[in-house]
N, C-alpha and C. Protein backbone atom coordinates (compact mmCIF):
# COMPACT_ATOMS: atom_id res chain seq x y z
N UNK A 1 -2.62 -7.59 0.62
CA UNK A 1 -3.69 -7.70 -0.32
C UNK A 1 -4.80 -8.53 0.29
N UNK A 2 -6.01 -8.15 0.00
CA UNK A 2 -7.17 -8.85 0.54
C UNK A 2 -7.18 -10.31 0.09
N UNK A 3 -7.47 -11.19 1.04
CA UNK A 3 -7.57 -12.59 0.72
C UNK A 3 -6.25 -13.35 0.80
N UNK A 4 -5.19 -12.68 1.16
CA UNK A 4 -3.88 -13.31 1.25
C UNK A 4 -3.33 -13.14 2.66
N UNK A 5 -2.25 -13.83 2.96
CA UNK A 5 -1.60 -13.76 4.26
C UNK A 5 -1.14 -12.33 4.55
N UNK A 6 -1.20 -11.92 5.81
CA UNK A 6 -0.76 -10.59 6.21
C UNK A 6 0.76 -10.49 6.13
N UNK A 7 1.22 -9.42 5.51
CA UNK A 7 2.66 -9.17 5.38
C UNK A 7 2.97 -7.77 5.86
N UNK A 8 4.18 -7.59 6.35
CA UNK A 8 4.65 -6.29 6.80
C UNK A 8 5.72 -5.79 5.84
N UNK A 9 5.50 -4.61 5.29
CA UNK A 9 6.46 -3.97 4.39
C UNK A 9 7.09 -2.81 5.15
N UNK A 10 8.39 -2.82 5.30
CA UNK A 10 9.11 -1.76 5.99
C UNK A 10 9.93 -0.99 4.97
N UNK A 11 9.59 0.29 4.80
CA UNK A 11 10.28 1.14 3.84
C UNK A 11 11.26 2.03 4.56
N UNK A 12 12.51 1.95 4.14
CA UNK A 12 13.56 2.81 4.66
C UNK A 12 14.26 3.41 3.46
N UNK A 13 14.96 4.52 3.60
CA UNK A 13 15.62 5.13 2.45
C UNK A 13 16.48 4.11 1.68
N UNK A 14 16.08 3.83 0.44
CA UNK A 14 16.83 2.93 -0.41
C UNK A 14 16.68 1.46 -0.09
N UNK A 15 15.70 1.09 0.77
CA UNK A 15 15.59 -0.30 1.18
C UNK A 15 14.14 -0.68 1.49
N UNK A 16 13.76 -1.89 1.11
CA UNK A 16 12.44 -2.43 1.42
C UNK A 16 12.63 -3.80 2.06
N UNK A 17 11.99 -4.02 3.19
CA UNK A 17 12.03 -5.31 3.87
C UNK A 17 10.61 -5.85 3.95
N UNK A 18 10.43 -7.12 3.63
CA UNK A 18 9.12 -7.76 3.69
C UNK A 18 9.20 -8.94 4.63
N UNK A 19 8.31 -8.97 5.63
CA UNK A 19 8.23 -10.08 6.57
C UNK A 19 6.78 -10.52 6.68
N UNK A 20 6.58 -11.76 7.04
CA UNK A 20 5.22 -12.24 7.18
C UNK A 20 4.71 -11.92 8.59
N UNK A 21 3.41 -11.71 8.72
CA UNK A 21 2.81 -11.39 10.00
C UNK A 21 2.60 -9.90 10.20
N UNK A 22 2.09 -9.58 11.36
CA UNK A 22 1.78 -8.18 11.70
C UNK A 22 2.91 -7.56 12.52
N UNK A 23 3.17 -6.26 12.33
CA UNK A 23 4.20 -5.60 13.13
C UNK A 23 3.64 -5.21 14.50
N UNK A 24 4.52 -4.94 15.43
CA UNK A 24 4.07 -4.51 16.76
C UNK A 24 3.57 -3.07 16.73
N UNK A 25 4.16 -2.25 15.90
CA UNK A 25 3.75 -0.85 15.78
C UNK A 25 3.77 -0.48 14.30
N UNK A 26 2.68 0.09 13.83
CA UNK A 26 2.61 0.42 12.41
C UNK A 26 2.09 1.83 12.21
N UNK A 27 2.57 2.46 11.15
CA UNK A 27 2.12 3.81 10.83
C UNK A 27 0.81 3.79 10.06
N UNK A 28 0.70 2.87 9.13
CA UNK A 28 -0.50 2.80 8.28
C UNK A 28 -0.81 1.35 7.95
N UNK A 29 -2.09 1.04 7.87
CA UNK A 29 -2.56 -0.26 7.42
C UNK A 29 -3.30 -0.03 6.12
N UNK A 30 -2.95 -0.80 5.10
CA UNK A 30 -3.60 -0.66 3.80
C UNK A 30 -4.28 -1.98 3.45
N UNK A 31 -5.49 -1.88 2.92
CA UNK A 31 -6.20 -3.03 2.41
C UNK A 31 -6.50 -2.76 0.95
N UNK A 32 -5.95 -3.59 0.07
CA UNK A 32 -6.12 -3.37 -1.36
C UNK A 32 -6.64 -4.63 -2.04
N UNK A 33 -7.54 -4.42 -2.97
CA UNK A 33 -7.97 -5.47 -3.86
C UNK A 33 -6.75 -5.86 -4.71
N UNK A 34 -6.49 -7.17 -4.94
CA UNK A 34 -5.30 -7.56 -5.71
C UNK A 34 -5.19 -6.91 -7.09
N UNK A 35 -6.30 -6.79 -7.79
CA UNK A 35 -6.27 -6.17 -9.12
C UNK A 35 -5.92 -4.69 -9.00
N UNK A 36 -6.52 -4.01 -8.03
CA UNK A 36 -6.22 -2.59 -7.82
C UNK A 36 -4.75 -2.41 -7.45
N UNK A 37 -4.22 -3.31 -6.62
CA UNK A 37 -2.81 -3.24 -6.22
C UNK A 37 -1.90 -3.29 -7.44
N UNK A 38 -2.16 -4.23 -8.34
CA UNK A 38 -1.33 -4.35 -9.53
C UNK A 38 -1.50 -3.16 -10.47
N UNK A 39 -2.74 -2.70 -10.65
CA UNK A 39 -2.97 -1.56 -11.54
C UNK A 39 -2.29 -0.30 -11.02
N UNK A 40 -2.33 -0.09 -9.73
CA UNK A 40 -1.67 1.08 -9.14
C UNK A 40 -0.16 0.92 -9.22
N UNK A 41 0.33 -0.27 -8.88
CA UNK A 41 1.76 -0.53 -8.89
C UNK A 41 2.39 -0.39 -10.27
N UNK A 42 1.66 -0.79 -11.31
CA UNK A 42 2.16 -0.66 -12.68
C UNK A 42 1.71 0.63 -13.36
N UNK A 43 1.16 1.53 -12.56
CA UNK A 43 0.74 2.86 -13.02
C UNK A 43 -0.26 2.79 -14.17
N UNK A 44 -1.18 1.81 -14.11
CA UNK A 44 -2.24 1.70 -15.11
C UNK A 44 -3.47 2.50 -14.70
N UNK A 45 -3.55 2.85 -13.43
CA UNK A 45 -4.64 3.67 -12.92
C UNK A 45 -4.11 4.55 -11.81
N UNK A 46 -4.80 5.63 -11.55
CA UNK A 46 -4.43 6.51 -10.45
C UNK A 46 -4.97 5.97 -9.13
N UNK A 47 -4.74 6.69 -8.07
CA UNK A 47 -5.22 6.27 -6.76
C UNK A 47 -6.68 6.63 -6.53
N UNK A 48 -7.19 7.64 -7.20
CA UNK A 48 -8.53 8.16 -6.92
C UNK A 48 -9.63 7.11 -7.10
N UNK A 49 -9.67 6.46 -8.24
CA UNK A 49 -10.77 5.51 -8.51
C UNK A 49 -10.78 4.35 -7.50
N UNK A 50 -9.66 3.65 -7.24
CA UNK A 50 -9.71 2.56 -6.25
C UNK A 50 -10.10 3.05 -4.85
N UNK A 51 -9.68 4.25 -4.48
CA UNK A 51 -10.05 4.78 -3.16
C UNK A 51 -11.54 5.08 -3.11
N UNK A 52 -12.07 5.74 -4.15
CA UNK A 52 -13.48 6.11 -4.16
C UNK A 52 -14.42 4.91 -4.28
N UNK A 53 -13.95 3.82 -4.89
CA UNK A 53 -14.80 2.63 -5.03
C UNK A 53 -14.58 1.62 -3.91
N UNK A 54 -13.71 1.93 -2.95
CA UNK A 54 -13.47 1.04 -1.82
C UNK A 54 -12.52 -0.11 -2.10
N UNK A 55 -11.85 -0.10 -3.23
CA UNK A 55 -10.90 -1.16 -3.57
C UNK A 55 -9.54 -0.92 -2.93
N UNK A 56 -9.32 0.29 -2.40
CA UNK A 56 -8.09 0.63 -1.68
C UNK A 56 -8.48 1.48 -0.47
N UNK A 57 -8.12 1.00 0.71
CA UNK A 57 -8.47 1.68 1.95
C UNK A 57 -7.23 1.74 2.83
N UNK A 58 -7.04 2.87 3.52
CA UNK A 58 -5.91 3.02 4.44
C UNK A 58 -6.40 3.61 5.76
N UNK A 59 -5.83 3.14 6.87
CA UNK A 59 -6.15 3.69 8.18
C UNK A 59 -4.96 3.47 9.10
N UNK A 60 -4.98 4.14 10.25
CA UNK A 60 -3.90 3.99 11.22
C UNK A 60 -3.47 5.31 11.78
N UNK A 61 -2.29 5.33 12.41
CA UNK A 61 -1.77 6.55 13.03
C UNK A 61 -1.46 7.62 12.00
N UNK A 62 -0.96 7.21 10.84
CA UNK A 62 -0.57 8.16 9.79
C UNK A 62 -1.07 7.67 8.42
N UNK A 63 -2.39 7.72 8.18
CA UNK A 63 -2.93 7.16 6.94
C UNK A 63 -2.46 7.87 5.68
N UNK A 64 -2.04 9.11 5.78
CA UNK A 64 -1.58 9.86 4.61
C UNK A 64 -0.31 9.25 4.02
N UNK A 65 0.40 8.44 4.78
CA UNK A 65 1.60 7.78 4.29
C UNK A 65 1.25 6.85 3.12
N UNK A 66 0.04 6.33 3.09
CA UNK A 66 -0.39 5.44 2.01
C UNK A 66 -0.39 6.15 0.67
N UNK A 67 -0.53 7.46 0.66
CA UNK A 67 -0.50 8.21 -0.59
C UNK A 67 0.89 8.24 -1.21
N UNK A 68 1.88 7.83 -0.45
CA UNK A 68 3.25 7.75 -0.95
C UNK A 68 3.54 6.32 -1.38
N UNK A 69 2.55 5.67 -1.98
CA UNK A 69 2.69 4.30 -2.45
C UNK A 69 4.03 4.15 -3.15
N UNK A 70 4.84 3.13 -2.83
CA UNK A 70 6.20 3.01 -3.33
C UNK A 70 6.32 3.22 -4.84
N UNK A 71 7.09 4.22 -5.19
CA UNK A 71 7.37 4.48 -6.58
C UNK A 71 6.27 5.18 -7.34
N UNK A 72 5.09 5.37 -6.74
CA UNK A 72 3.98 5.91 -7.50
C UNK A 72 4.21 7.33 -7.96
N UNK A 73 4.76 8.15 -7.09
CA UNK A 73 4.96 9.55 -7.45
C UNK A 73 6.38 9.84 -7.92
N UNK A 74 7.18 8.81 -8.13
CA UNK A 74 8.56 9.01 -8.57
C UNK A 74 8.63 8.77 -10.07
N UNK A 75 9.54 9.46 -10.73
CA UNK A 75 9.72 9.27 -12.16
C UNK A 75 10.35 7.90 -12.42
N UNK A 76 9.97 7.27 -13.54
CA UNK A 76 10.55 5.94 -13.84
C UNK A 76 12.02 6.01 -14.17
């Protein structure tokens, strides 16, 4: 999240690992406004508005991976 320490989130089937700092190799880098992060995470807003307004940005070797935001497209 913008304005906070850099963290690395590693997603594996059925597992999430969070470490502080930058990884040596990454598929995607995401920069999110903290409010947008929470709204997307709690499914209060879709991805389109934060992306179009610049509150959510993704880049890297595989930026499309950001569209698979954890749990966003899965049923509750």
